[in-house]
Amino acid sequence: MMRFVQRAARATMLLSLMLFAAAQPAAAQQILRDSETELFLRDISKPLIEGAGLNPRHVQIVMIQDDEINAFVAQGQVVYIHSGLIEAADNANQLEGVIAHELGHVAGGHAIRMNDGVKAATGISVLSILLGVAAAVAGAGEAALGVIAAGQQAAMGNFLSFTRAQEASADEAGSKYLSAAGYSGKGSIEFFKKLQNQEFRLAIPQDNSYGRTHPLSGERIAALEQNYRKDPAWNRPTDPAIEMRFKRIKAKLLGYLDPRKATMAYPESDQSIPAHYARAYAYHRGAYPEKAAQEVKALIAAIPHDPFFLELQGQTLLEGGDPKAAIAPLREAVARAPDQPMIAVMLGHALVASDDPKNIAEAKQVVKSAVNRDNDNPFAWYVLGVAYDREGDAPRAALASAERNNLQGNNKLALASARSAMAGLKPGTPDYLRAQDIAMVSDYELNKNKKKKKKAE
């Protein structure tokens, strides 16, 4: 009997893990941040978000570093797009189709409702185990295992049916958002056909989607294509300016993530702007500074005051060991794109790294402005902390360190830095109260982790 219960417990645990994996998005992946890419994603998503009846200020489109062709939503109004999906997309309209689908999940509250699917499947599984245990007590051990196995299969089938229904719902909603935005559905169909080709290569049967979390791509194409063709936007081309912006971010992404592949995809015979962009990042990442400088020079010659080309010029100079030379292009980039805090942080970094005391006040000013716009950037708090330290303002340097460690989940360091800041700040001031908040949160988290550890022991 004990052996049977152990086997049943292992089977239950396996099912639970499978349900958990199916119900949870990918985690612990590196977020990729780039000013130009984030602005592009925000611009193409805005009409879709409005079409979904959501507030563009509350919805985030986040890129994560992952080669897999995938996108997903988590709880809250956040859409995560894998870098591999952007690389796989052929045009901006295909990316718009993916975002529209994911917004269907957001508007439908699917991440929250996923727990309903898990609960229903778990209920089936638990019932089958109880029946199996009863059969085992009666002496029918093999029959009991059969009952449990059948229960597990039914539970998983129930859960997969639930997720397929959510995917079909998101497809339908996404088609409405594309129509409301005036975007063609061609890109959506094209991308589903890409996925269908992958299914063919993986020899996935195309006659039945049972056992899958998503409907088969062929089923999705058949369900959506007629609606898309009737829409007035079906033959509407993508704005050429949007298409060029897509080509730029795709090229720079490849140059940054895979320099060798980028130089093969964009050989030097290709003198287009995306090709120069890809090679500039690839050569910079590959430690060929002279070649990178030539590619950046070609970009700026083509569009002299483009803030993102100026940002790249400043970045290559700064990371190449010449922060003083990086200041001028970064100053112009900030002036031409004042709403891009990450460029301002890079300028602050160059000013601090120049080792010129005259630049510290400017560094502090531009980085403080940046964190007011985007306070979730740990590196910005690091640069601001260095600027405060150079000025001899130890309490605010400690507060900046507390902010950085708090964002990075380093509760012990955050608590120590917050307490150090409080010791030198005037009680009741905004900075003191902020340090106090960080100290309280960090102390709470540390105590919570201690209790968990003791309980586990």
Protein backbone atom coordinates (compact mmCIF):
# COMPACT_ATOMS: atom_id res chain seq x y z
CA MET A 1 0.00 0.00 0.00
CA MET A 2 2.80 2.45 0.86
CA ARG A 3 4.46 1.83 -2.49
CA PHE A 4 1.21 2.50 -4.31
CA VAL A 5 0.64 5.78 -2.45
CA GLN A 6 4.18 6.90 -3.29
CA ARG A 7 3.60 6.16 -6.97
CA ALA A 8 0.29 8.01 -6.85
CA ALA A 9 1.94 10.98 -5.14
CA ARG A 10 4.64 11.13 -7.78
CA ALA A 11 1.99 11.04 -10.51
CA THR A 12 0.06 13.84 -8.83
CA MET A 13 3.20 15.95 -8.45
CA LEU A 14 4.04 15.45 -12.13
CA LEU A 15 0.58 16.61 -13.18
CA SER A 16 0.80 19.63 -10.88
CA LEU A 17 4.16 20.60 -12.34
CA MET A 18 2.81 20.24 -15.88
CA LEU A 19 -0.20 22.40 -15.05
CA PHE A 20 2.00 24.99 -13.37
CA ALA A 21 4.36 25.11 -16.34
CA ALA A 22 1.44 25.46 -18.75
CA ALA A 23 -0.19 28.15 -16.66
CA GLN A 24 2.84 30.33 -16.03
CA PRO A 25 4.73 32.52 -18.52
CA ALA A 26 8.45 32.18 -19.06
CA ALA A 27 10.33 33.68 -16.12
CA ALA A 28 13.77 34.93 -15.17
CA GLN A 29 14.55 36.11 -18.70
CA GLN A 30 16.67 39.14 -19.41
CA ILE A 31 14.76 42.26 -20.36
CA LEU A 32 16.30 44.10 -23.30
CA ARG A 33 15.93 47.86 -23.17
CA ASP A 34 16.56 50.21 -26.07
CA SER A 35 15.10 53.69 -26.48
CA GLU A 36 14.43 53.46 -30.20
CA THR A 37 12.85 50.00 -29.97
CA GLU A 38 10.63 50.93 -27.02
CA LEU A 39 9.45 54.08 -28.82
CA PHE A 40 8.67 52.06 -31.97
CA LEU A 41 6.73 49.40 -30.04
CA ARG A 42 4.84 52.11 -28.16
CA ASP A 43 3.92 53.92 -31.40
CA ILE A 44 2.65 50.89 -33.33
CA SER A 45 0.83 49.53 -30.27
CA LYS A 46 -1.03 52.74 -29.34
CA PRO A 47 -3.84 52.40 -31.95
CA LEU A 48 -4.22 48.71 -31.07
CA ILE A 49 -4.38 49.42 -27.33
CA GLU A 50 -7.00 52.11 -27.92
CA GLY A 51 -8.91 49.69 -30.16
CA ALA A 52 -8.95 47.24 -27.24
CA GLY A 53 -10.49 49.91 -25.01
CA LEU A 54 -7.37 50.12 -22.84
CA ASN A 55 -5.31 53.11 -21.76
CA PRO A 56 -1.95 53.30 -23.62
CA ARG A 57 -0.34 54.80 -20.51
CA HIS A 58 -1.14 51.64 -18.56
CA VAL A 59 -0.02 49.02 -21.10
CA GLN A 60 3.62 48.07 -21.50
CA ILE A 61 5.26 46.28 -24.42
CA VAL A 62 8.49 44.71 -23.14
CA MET A 63 11.18 42.92 -25.13
CA ILE A 64 13.04 40.02 -23.55
CA GLN A 65 16.13 38.22 -24.80
CA ASP A 66 15.07 34.82 -26.00
CA ASP A 67 15.65 33.14 -29.37
CA GLU A 68 12.28 31.40 -29.28
CA ILE A 69 9.57 32.78 -31.55
CA ASN A 70 7.10 33.66 -28.83
CA ALA A 71 5.17 36.38 -27.03
CA PHE A 72 3.08 36.20 -23.87
CA VAL A 73 1.26 38.20 -21.23
CA ALA A 74 1.62 38.04 -17.47
CA GLN A 75 -0.68 39.39 -14.80
CA GLY A 76 -1.13 43.09 -15.29
CA GLN A 77 -1.19 44.92 -18.60
CA VAL A 78 2.23 43.85 -19.86
CA VAL A 79 2.98 42.18 -23.19
CA TYR A 80 6.34 40.41 -23.43
CA ILE A 81 7.87 39.89 -26.87
CA HIS A 82 10.84 37.60 -27.44
CA SER A 83 13.75 38.99 -29.42
CA GLY A 84 13.51 35.83 -31.54
CA LEU A 85 10.03 36.82 -32.65
CA ILE A 86 11.20 40.24 -33.86
CA GLU A 87 14.05 38.56 -35.73
CA ALA A 88 11.59 36.12 -37.33
CA ALA A 89 9.08 38.79 -38.40
CA ASP A 90 9.47 39.97 -41.99
CA ASN A 91 7.71 43.29 -41.61
CA ALA A 92 6.05 45.64 -39.14
CA ASN A 93 2.55 44.38 -39.99
CA GLN A 94 3.43 40.87 -38.80
CA LEU A 95 4.58 42.31 -35.47
CA GLU A 96 1.36 44.35 -35.24
CA GLY A 97 -0.62 41.14 -35.65
CA VAL A 98 1.24 39.47 -32.78
CA ILE A 99 0.76 42.46 -30.48
CA ALA A 100 -2.96 42.61 -31.34
CA HIS A 101 -3.33 38.94 -30.36
CA GLU A 102 -1.52 39.42 -27.05
CA LEU A 103 -3.69 42.45 -26.28
CA GLY A 104 -6.63 40.10 -26.71
CA HIS A 105 -5.25 38.15 -23.75
CA VAL A 106 -4.78 41.36 -21.75
CA ALA A 107 -8.27 42.71 -22.44
CA GLY A 108 -9.78 39.27 -21.76
CA GLY A 109 -8.02 38.99 -18.41
CA HIS A 110 -6.70 35.59 -19.47
CA ALA A 111 -3.66 35.62 -17.20
CA ILE A 112 -5.93 36.08 -14.18
CA ARG A 113 -8.48 33.53 -15.40
CA MET A 114 -5.74 30.95 -15.97
CA ASN A 115 -6.18 29.97 -12.32
CA ASP A 116 -9.75 28.88 -13.14
CA GLY A 117 -8.42 26.44 -15.70
CA VAL A 118 -5.81 25.11 -13.31
CA LYS A 119 -8.40 24.74 -10.53
CA ALA A 120 -10.80 22.77 -12.74
CA ALA A 121 -8.04 20.44 -13.98
CA THR A 122 -6.68 19.93 -10.47
CA GLY A 123 -10.16 19.07 -9.23
CA ILE A 124 -10.43 16.29 -11.80
CA SER A 125 -6.96 15.03 -10.87
CA VAL A 126 -7.66 14.98 -7.12
CA LEU A 127 -10.97 13.16 -7.65
CA SER A 128 -9.24 10.47 -9.72
CA ILE A 129 -6.64 9.98 -6.97
CA LEU A 130 -9.31 9.57 -4.31
CA LEU A 131 -11.07 6.98 -6.47
CA GLY A 132 -7.73 5.29 -7.11
CA VAL A 133 -6.89 5.12 -3.41
CA ALA A 134 -10.33 3.62 -2.73
CA ALA A 135 -9.72 0.98 -5.38
CA ALA A 136 -6.29 0.22 -3.92
CA VAL A 137 -7.75 -0.21 -0.43
CA ALA A 138 -10.19 -2.70 -1.96
CA GLY A 139 -7.18 -4.64 -3.32
CA ALA A 140 -7.36 -3.56 -6.97
CA GLY A 141 -3.91 -1.95 -7.23
CA GLU A 142 -3.52 -2.09 -11.02
CA ALA A 143 -7.06 -0.84 -11.54
CA ALA A 144 -6.31 2.00 -9.13
CA LEU A 145 -3.31 3.09 -11.19
CA GLY A 146 -5.49 2.98 -14.29
CA VAL A 147 -8.08 5.22 -12.64
CA ILE A 148 -5.38 7.74 -11.69
CA ALA A 149 -3.81 7.69 -15.16
CA ALA A 150 -7.20 8.24 -16.77
CA GLY A 151 -7.88 11.08 -14.35
CA GLN A 152 -4.59 12.72 -15.18
CA GLN A 153 -5.30 12.48 -18.89
CA ALA A 154 -8.76 13.95 -18.41
CA ALA A 155 -7.36 16.76 -16.23
CA MET A 156 -4.71 17.69 -18.77
CA GLY A 157 -7.23 17.49 -21.60
CA ASN A 158 -9.53 19.80 -19.67
CA PHE A 159 -6.74 22.31 -19.10
CA LEU A 160 -5.52 22.23 -22.71
CA SER A 161 -9.08 22.75 -23.94
CA PHE A 162 -9.29 25.78 -21.64
CA THR A 163 -6.08 27.32 -23.03
CA ARG A 164 -7.08 26.65 -26.65
CA ALA A 165 -10.35 28.49 -26.02
CA GLN A 166 -8.39 31.44 -24.63
CA GLU A 167 -6.12 31.48 -27.69
CA ALA A 168 -9.08 31.40 -30.08
CA SER A 169 -10.69 34.24 -28.12
CA ALA A 170 -7.47 36.30 -28.31
CA ASP A 171 -7.27 35.66 -32.08
CA GLU A 172 -10.81 36.96 -32.56
CA ALA A 173 -10.22 39.99 -30.33
CA GLY A 174 -6.90 40.75 -32.03
CA SER A 175 -8.60 40.84 -35.44
CA LYS A 176 -11.01 43.48 -34.11
CA TYR A 177 -8.18 45.58 -32.71
CA LEU A 178 -6.30 45.47 -36.03
CA SER A 179 -9.45 46.62 -37.82
CA ALA A 180 -10.04 49.43 -35.31
CA ALA A 181 -6.44 50.59 -35.75
CA GLY A 182 -6.73 50.51 -39.56
CA TYR A 183 -4.00 47.84 -39.78
CA SER A 184 -4.19 45.06 -42.34
CA GLY A 185 -4.63 41.48 -41.15
CA LYS A 186 -2.22 40.23 -43.83
CA GLY A 187 0.69 40.30 -41.42
CA SER A 188 -1.22 38.20 -38.91
CA ILE A 189 -1.99 35.55 -41.54
CA GLU A 190 1.60 35.63 -42.80
CA PHE A 191 2.93 35.04 -39.32
CA PHE A 192 0.54 32.16 -38.66
CA LYS A 193 1.79 30.60 -41.91
CA LYS A 194 5.35 30.91 -40.58
CA LEU A 195 4.27 29.01 -37.48
CA GLN A 196 2.46 26.47 -39.66
CA ASN A 197 5.67 25.84 -41.60
CA GLN A 198 7.41 25.15 -38.29
CA GLU A 199 4.68 22.66 -37.40
CA PHE A 200 5.25 20.93 -40.74
CA ARG A 201 9.00 20.71 -40.08
CA LEU A 202 8.35 19.28 -36.63
CA ALA A 203 5.92 16.75 -38.14
CA ILE A 204 3.06 17.96 -35.92
CA PRO A 205 -0.19 16.35 -37.16
CA GLN A 206 -2.43 18.95 -38.78
CA ASP A 207 -5.76 17.19 -38.41
CA ASN A 208 -6.30 17.53 -34.64
CA SER A 209 -5.19 20.12 -32.10
CA TYR A 210 -6.07 17.92 -29.11
CA GLY A 211 -3.12 17.73 -26.73
CA ARG A 212 -1.91 21.23 -27.59
CA THR A 213 -2.15 24.50 -25.66
CA HIS A 214 -2.86 26.43 -28.89
CA PRO A 215 -5.10 25.66 -31.87
CA LEU A 216 -3.17 24.50 -34.92
CA SER A 217 -2.00 27.38 -37.09
CA GLY A 218 -4.02 26.05 -40.01
CA GLU A 219 -7.17 26.21 -37.90
CA ARG A 220 -6.38 29.76 -36.87
CA ILE A 221 -5.74 30.85 -40.46
CA ALA A 222 -9.04 29.34 -41.61
CA ALA A 223 -10.93 31.02 -38.77
CA LEU A 224 -9.45 34.47 -39.37
CA GLU A 225 -8.67 34.89 -43.07
CA GLN A 226 -12.24 35.43 -44.26
CA ASN A 227 -12.81 38.16 -41.67
CA TYR A 228 -9.54 39.86 -42.53
CA ARG A 229 -10.25 39.84 -46.28
CA LYS A 230 -13.58 41.59 -45.72
CA ASP A 231 -11.94 44.37 -43.70
CA PRO A 232 -11.33 47.68 -45.57
CA ALA A 233 -7.71 47.64 -44.33
CA TRP A 234 -6.86 44.26 -45.94
CA ASN A 235 -5.01 45.81 -48.89
CA ARG A 236 -3.79 48.86 -47.00
CA PRO A 237 0.04 48.98 -47.03
CA THR A 238 2.05 49.75 -43.92
CA ASP A 239 3.28 53.33 -43.59
CA PRO A 240 6.76 53.34 -45.24
CA ALA A 241 8.18 55.31 -42.30
CA ILE A 242 6.94 52.63 -39.88
CA GLU A 243 8.39 49.91 -42.10
CA MET A 244 11.79 51.60 -42.16
CA ARG A 245 11.73 51.97 -38.39
CA PHE A 246 10.99 48.25 -38.09
CA LYS A 247 13.90 47.39 -40.38
CA ARG A 248 16.19 49.56 -38.27
CA ILE A 249 15.29 48.01 -34.93
CA LYS A 250 15.45 44.50 -36.37
CA ALA A 251 18.92 45.18 -37.79
CA LYS A 252 20.32 46.77 -34.63
CA LEU A 253 18.87 43.96 -32.51
CA LEU A 254 20.63 41.34 -34.60
CA GLY A 255 23.89 43.32 -34.54
CA TYR A 256 23.71 43.56 -30.76
CA LEU A 257 22.71 39.96 -30.01
CA ASP A 258 24.57 38.05 -32.71
CA PRO A 259 27.39 40.06 -34.34
CA ARG A 260 28.61 37.20 -36.52
CA LYS A 261 25.15 36.48 -37.90
CA ALA A 262 24.56 40.19 -38.45
CA THR A 263 27.64 40.63 -40.63
CA MET A 264 26.52 37.63 -42.70
CA ALA A 265 22.94 38.89 -43.03
CA TYR A 266 24.12 42.43 -43.83
CA PRO A 267 27.35 42.14 -45.88
CA GLU A 268 29.40 45.26 -46.58
CA SER A 269 28.05 45.31 -50.13
CA ASP A 270 24.71 46.32 -48.57
CA GLN A 271 24.85 50.09 -48.08
CA SER A 272 21.33 50.55 -46.74
CA ILE A 273 20.70 52.25 -43.42
CA PRO A 274 19.59 49.02 -41.68
CA ALA A 275 22.75 47.31 -42.90
CA HIS A 276 25.00 50.09 -41.60
CA TYR A 277 23.08 49.93 -38.31
CA ALA A 278 23.50 46.17 -37.95
CA ARG A 279 27.20 46.28 -38.77
CA ALA A 280 27.84 49.24 -36.44
CA TYR A 281 26.49 47.27 -33.48
CA ALA A 282 28.14 44.05 -34.63
CA TYR A 283 31.59 45.64 -35.02
CA HIS A 284 31.25 47.50 -31.73
CA ARG A 285 30.24 44.33 -29.89
CA GLY A 286 32.96 42.38 -31.67
CA ALA A 287 35.67 44.88 -30.61
CA TYR A 288 36.40 46.36 -34.03
CA PRO A 289 36.23 50.07 -33.06
CA GLU A 290 37.53 51.49 -36.34
CA LYS A 291 35.00 49.56 -38.39
CA ALA A 292 32.21 50.47 -35.98
CA ALA A 293 33.18 54.16 -36.25
CA GLN A 294 33.01 53.99 -40.05
CA GLU A 295 29.52 52.50 -39.95
CA VAL A 296 28.34 55.12 -37.45
CA LYS A 297 29.85 57.84 -39.65
CA ALA A 298 27.85 56.52 -42.63
CA LEU A 299 24.64 56.58 -40.58
CA ILE A 300 25.13 60.16 -39.43
CA ALA A 301 26.05 61.23 -42.94
CA ALA A 302 22.73 59.79 -44.13
CA ILE A 303 20.63 61.39 -41.34
CA PRO A 304 22.85 63.95 -39.56
CA HIS A 305 20.70 64.72 -36.52
CA ASP A 306 19.01 61.40 -35.85
CA PRO A 307 19.03 61.09 -32.03
CA PHE A 308 19.45 57.32 -32.09
CA PHE A 309 22.43 57.47 -34.45
CA LEU A 310 23.94 60.13 -32.19
CA GLU A 311 23.22 57.89 -29.20
CA LEU A 312 25.09 55.05 -30.91
CA GLN A 313 28.02 57.35 -31.69
CA GLY A 314 28.18 58.39 -28.05
CA GLN A 315 27.89 54.79 -26.89
CA THR A 316 30.74 53.56 -29.08
CA LEU A 317 32.98 56.40 -27.90
CA LEU A 318 32.04 55.99 -24.22
CA GLU A 319 32.43 52.22 -24.18
CA GLY A 320 35.56 52.54 -26.30
CA GLY A 321 37.23 54.51 -23.51
CA ASP A 322 36.75 58.11 -24.68
CA PRO A 323 33.94 59.55 -22.51
CA LYS A 324 34.93 63.18 -23.20
CA ALA A 325 34.39 62.70 -26.95
CA ALA A 326 31.06 60.97 -26.23
CA ILE A 327 29.59 64.00 -24.46
CA ALA A 328 28.90 66.17 -27.52
CA PRO A 329 26.89 63.62 -29.57
CA LEU A 330 25.03 62.49 -26.46
CA ARG A 331 24.15 66.09 -25.55
CA GLU A 332 22.67 66.57 -29.01
CA ALA A 333 20.84 63.23 -28.79
CA VAL A 334 19.25 64.29 -25.49
CA ALA A 335 18.32 67.69 -26.92
CA ARG A 336 16.65 66.06 -29.94
CA ALA A 337 14.96 63.29 -27.92
CA PRO A 338 14.26 64.85 -24.51
CA ASP A 339 11.64 62.20 -23.73
CA GLN A 340 14.14 59.32 -23.86
CA PRO A 341 15.53 58.85 -20.33
CA MET A 342 17.97 56.08 -21.21
CA ILE A 343 19.86 58.41 -23.55
CA ALA A 344 20.02 60.97 -20.73
CA VAL A 345 21.47 58.32 -18.42
CA MET A 346 24.15 57.56 -20.97
CA LEU A 347 25.01 61.26 -21.16
CA GLY A 348 25.19 61.36 -17.36
CA HIS A 349 27.51 58.35 -17.43
CA ALA A 350 29.81 60.07 -19.96
CA LEU A 351 29.86 63.26 -17.89
CA VAL A 352 30.77 61.37 -14.71
CA ALA A 353 33.32 59.18 -16.50
CA SER A 354 35.05 62.26 -17.96
CA ASP A 355 36.57 62.89 -14.48
CA ASP A 356 35.95 66.62 -14.90
CA PRO A 357 34.47 68.13 -11.70
CA LYS A 358 32.79 70.80 -13.85
CA ASN A 359 30.58 68.10 -15.42
CA ILE A 360 29.17 66.67 -12.20
CA ALA A 361 26.37 69.23 -11.76
CA GLU A 362 25.16 68.61 -15.32
CA ALA A 363 25.40 64.86 -14.81
CA LYS A 364 23.27 65.05 -11.68
CA GLN A 365 20.70 67.24 -13.42
CA VAL A 366 20.23 65.05 -16.50
CA VAL A 367 20.11 61.79 -14.54
CA LYS A 368 17.67 63.16 -11.96
CA SER A 369 15.45 64.17 -14.85
CA ALA A 370 15.81 60.66 -16.30
CA VAL A 371 14.84 58.84 -13.09
CA ASN A 372 11.82 61.12 -12.74
CA ARG A 373 10.64 59.68 -16.06
CA ASP A 374 11.89 56.11 -15.57
CA ASN A 375 12.76 55.14 -12.01
CA ASP A 376 13.01 51.40 -12.77
CA ASN A 377 16.49 51.62 -14.29
CA PRO A 378 19.10 50.36 -11.76
CA PHE A 379 22.01 51.75 -13.79
CA ALA A 380 20.48 55.25 -13.69
CA TRP A 381 20.49 55.12 -9.89
CA TYR A 382 24.10 53.92 -9.97
CA VAL A 383 25.19 56.90 -12.10
CA LEU A 384 23.21 59.31 -9.92
CA GLY A 385 24.83 57.81 -6.82
CA VAL A 386 28.29 58.34 -8.30
CA ALA A 387 27.41 61.97 -9.11
CA TYR A 388 26.25 62.58 -5.53
CA ASP A 389 29.38 60.90 -4.18
CA ARG A 390 31.63 63.10 -6.36
CA GLU A 391 29.87 66.12 -4.88
CA GLY A 392 30.46 64.81 -1.37
CA ASP A 393 26.74 64.25 -0.72
CA ALA A 394 27.10 60.89 1.06
CA PRO A 395 23.47 60.58 2.31
CA ARG A 396 21.97 61.00 -1.17
CA ALA A 397 24.62 58.74 -2.67
CA ALA A 398 23.49 56.12 -0.13
CA LEU A 399 19.84 56.73 -1.05
CA ALA A 400 20.62 56.20 -4.74
CA SER A 401 22.40 52.96 -3.81
CA ALA A 402 19.35 51.90 -1.79
CA GLU A 403 17.11 52.57 -4.81
CA ARG A 404 19.38 50.51 -7.07
CA ASN A 405 19.62 47.55 -4.70
CA ASN A 406 15.89 47.68 -4.05
CA LEU A 407 15.21 47.36 -7.79
CA GLN A 408 17.66 44.47 -8.06
CA GLY A 409 16.16 42.62 -5.11
CA ASN A 410 19.29 42.95 -2.94
CA ASN A 411 17.32 43.50 0.25
CA LYS A 412 20.27 43.31 2.65
CA LEU A 413 22.27 45.96 0.76
CA ALA A 414 19.15 48.07 0.20
CA LEU A 415 18.42 48.07 3.94
CA ALA A 416 21.99 49.01 4.87
CA SER A 417 22.12 51.81 2.30
CA ALA A 418 18.69 53.15 3.30
CA ARG A 419 19.69 53.27 6.96
CA SER A 420 22.93 55.02 6.04
CA ALA A 421 20.94 57.60 4.04
CA MET A 422 18.50 58.17 6.92
CA ALA A 423 21.39 58.82 9.30
CA GLY A 424 22.48 61.82 7.22
CA LEU A 425 19.16 63.20 5.96
CA LYS A 426 16.83 65.59 7.73
CA PRO A 427 13.82 63.68 9.15
CA GLY A 428 10.54 64.43 7.41
CA THR A 429 12.07 65.48 4.08
CA PRO A 430 11.01 63.62 0.90
CA ASP A 431 14.43 61.93 0.60
CA TYR A 432 14.32 60.81 4.25
CA LEU A 433 10.80 59.41 3.85
CA ARG A 434 11.83 57.57 0.67
CA ALA A 435 14.83 56.04 2.47
CA GLN A 436 12.52 55.04 5.31
CA ASP A 437 10.13 53.33 2.87
CA ILE A 438 12.95 51.33 1.31
CA ALA A 439 14.25 50.35 4.75
CA MET A 440 10.82 49.13 5.86
CA VAL A 441 10.19 47.12 2.68
CA SER A 442 13.69 45.58 2.71
CA ASP A 443 13.45 44.69 6.40
CA TYR A 444 10.05 43.08 5.83
CA GLU A 445 11.37 40.97 2.93
CA LEU A 446 14.44 39.87 4.89
CA ASN A 447 12.30 38.80 7.86
CA LYS A 448 9.87 36.99 5.57
CA ASN A 449 12.73 35.05 3.97
CA LYS A 450 14.13 34.16 7.42
CA LYS A 451 10.75 32.75 8.48
CA LYS A 452 10.52 30.70 5.27
CA LYS A 453 14.01 29.34 5.84
CA LYS A 454 13.24 28.36 9.45
CA LYS A 455 10.00 26.72 8.37
CA ALA A 456 11.82 24.72 5.71
CA GLU A 457 14.37 23.54 8.27
